[in-house]
């Protein structure tokens, strides 16, 4: 059976300027984040830490949340 490259919502990471925000996650979520990092490596051929991926995951989530985008426009 041939292996296919996974398609992910977040693109390959080029550069980033981080702002540190401490966060705690449940054990189950951490396990999923670690698994996502492995799939990311398969998809892009480059290893990234969970901490490096989380900002892009959050950006992808916020970009896909139409309720948030509408509320954000109303705040402006």
C-alpha atoms as a PDB file:
ATOM      1  CA  UNK A   1       0.000   0.000   0.000  1.00  0.00           C
ATOM      2  CA  UNK A   2       1.455   3.369  -1.047  1.00  0.00           C
ATOM      3  CA  UNK A   3       1.879   6.093   1.547  1.00  0.00           C
ATOM      4  CA  UNK A   4       0.448   9.506   0.740  1.00  0.00           C
ATOM      5  CA  UNK A   5       1.578  12.875   2.033  1.00  0.00           C
ATOM      6  CA  UNK A   6      -0.932  14.258   4.563  1.00  0.00           C
ATOM      7  CA  UNK A   7      -2.709  17.514   3.765  1.00  0.00           C
ATOM      8  CA  UNK A   8      -2.773  19.858   6.762  1.00  0.00           C
ATOM      9  CA  UNK A   9      -4.551  23.152   7.431  1.00  0.00           C
ATOM     10  CA  UNK A  10      -1.321  24.862   8.444  1.00  0.00           C
ATOM     11  CA  UNK A  11       1.403  25.491   5.859  1.00  0.00           C
ATOM     12  CA  UNK A  12       5.083  24.782   6.238  1.00  0.00           C
ATOM     13  CA  UNK A  13       6.516  27.212   8.789  1.00  0.00           C
ATOM     14  CA  UNK A  14       8.918  29.740   7.315  1.00  0.00           C
ATOM     15  CA  UNK A  15       9.632  32.282  10.069  1.00  0.00           C
ATOM     16  CA  UNK A  16       7.918  33.592  13.157  1.00  0.00           C
ATOM     17  CA  UNK A  17       8.364  36.218  15.834  1.00  0.00           C
ATOM     18  CA  UNK A  18       6.894  34.624  18.959  1.00  0.00           C
ATOM     19  CA  UNK A  19       5.273  36.194  21.985  1.00  0.00           C
ATOM     20  CA  UNK A  20       5.429  33.808  24.916  1.00  0.00           C
ATOM     21  CA  UNK A  21       2.069  32.933  26.522  1.00  0.00           C
ATOM     22  CA  UNK A  22       2.085  30.244  29.205  1.00  0.00           C
ATOM     23  CA  UNK A  23      -0.640  27.655  28.705  1.00  0.00           C
ATOM     24  CA  UNK A  24      -1.530  24.283  30.203  1.00  0.00           C
ATOM     25  CA  UNK A  25      -3.381  21.631  28.231  1.00  0.00           C
ATOM     26  CA  UNK A  26      -4.952  18.312  29.212  1.00  0.00           C
ATOM     27  CA  UNK A  27      -2.790  15.211  28.737  1.00  0.00           C
ATOM     28  CA  UNK A  28      -5.020  13.935  25.915  1.00  0.00           C
ATOM     29  CA  UNK A  29      -4.681  17.195  23.993  1.00  0.00           C
ATOM     30  CA  UNK A  30      -0.907  17.128  24.437  1.00  0.00           C
ATOM     31  CA  UNK A  31      -0.829  13.616  22.990  1.00  0.00           C
ATOM     32  CA  UNK A  32      -2.795  14.830  19.964  1.00  0.00           C
ATOM     33  CA  UNK A  33      -0.470  17.827  19.564  1.00  0.00           C
ATOM     34  CA  UNK A  34       2.555  15.521  19.630  1.00  0.00           C
ATOM     35  CA  UNK A  35       0.897  13.297  17.013  1.00  0.00           C
ATOM     36  CA  UNK A  36       0.147  16.368  14.876  1.00  0.00           C
ATOM     37  CA  UNK A  37       3.818  17.360  15.035  1.00  0.00           C
ATOM     38  CA  UNK A  38       4.749  13.916  13.668  1.00  0.00           C
ATOM     39  CA  UNK A  39       2.216  14.230  10.850  1.00  0.00           C
ATOM     40  CA  UNK A  40       3.538  17.744  10.131  1.00  0.00           C
ATOM     41  CA  UNK A  41       7.025  16.287   9.750  1.00  0.00           C
ATOM     42  CA  UNK A  42       5.701  13.694   7.294  1.00  0.00           C
ATOM     43  CA  UNK A  43       3.816  16.337   5.304  1.00  0.00           C
ATOM     44  CA  UNK A  44       6.567  18.955   5.135  1.00  0.00           C
ATOM     45  CA  UNK A  45       9.767  16.972   5.647  1.00  0.00           C
ATOM     46  CA  UNK A  46      10.773  19.199   8.535  1.00  0.00           C
ATOM     47  CA  UNK A  47      10.518  18.601  12.267  1.00  0.00           C
ATOM     48  CA  UNK A  48       8.836  21.323  14.347  1.00  0.00           C
ATOM     49  CA  UNK A  49       8.114  21.383  18.058  1.00  0.00           C
ATOM     50  CA  UNK A  50       4.548  21.478  19.316  1.00  0.00           C
ATOM     51  CA  UNK A  51       5.283  24.960  20.676  1.00  0.00           C
ATOM     52  CA  UNK A  52       6.244  26.141  17.185  1.00  0.00           C
ATOM     53  CA  UNK A  53       3.098  24.683  15.632  1.00  0.00           C
ATOM     54  CA  UNK A  54       0.521  25.945  18.138  1.00  0.00           C
ATOM     55  CA  UNK A  55       0.497  29.591  16.923  1.00  0.00           C
ATOM     56  CA  UNK A  56      -0.205  28.428  13.373  1.00  0.00           C
ATOM     57  CA  UNK A  57      -2.914  26.052  14.586  1.00  0.00           C
ATOM     58  CA  UNK A  58      -4.575  28.879  16.481  1.00  0.00           C
ATOM     59  CA  UNK A  59      -4.330  31.182  13.459  1.00  0.00           C
ATOM     60  CA  UNK A  60      -5.915  28.543  11.222  1.00  0.00           C
ATOM     61  CA  UNK A  61      -8.697  28.006  13.759  1.00  0.00           C
ATOM     62  CA  UNK A  62      -9.433  31.724  14.124  1.00  0.00           C
ATOM     63  CA  UNK A  63      -9.363  32.226  10.345  1.00  0.00           C
ATOM     64  CA  UNK A  64     -11.969  29.484   9.924  1.00  0.00           C
ATOM     65  CA  UNK A  65     -14.300  30.741  12.689  1.00  0.00           C
ATOM     66  CA  UNK A  66     -16.898  32.881  10.907  1.00  0.00           C
ATOM     67  CA  UNK A  67     -18.605  33.853  14.182  1.00  0.00           C
ATOM     68  CA  UNK A  68     -15.325  35.218  15.513  1.00  0.00           C
ATOM     69  CA  UNK A  69     -14.580  37.111  12.296  1.00  0.00           C
ATOM     70  CA  UNK A  70     -18.025  38.749  12.387  1.00  0.00           C
ATOM     71  CA  UNK A  71     -17.693  39.692  16.086  1.00  0.00           C
ATOM     72  CA  UNK A  72     -14.180  41.047  15.477  1.00  0.00           C
ATOM     73  CA  UNK A  73     -15.463  43.311  12.681  1.00  0.00           C
ATOM     74  CA  UNK A  74     -18.185  44.584  15.016  1.00  0.00           C
ATOM     75  CA  UNK A  75     -15.557  45.412  17.680  1.00  0.00           C
ATOM     76  CA  UNK A  76     -13.656  47.661  15.277  1.00  0.00           C
END
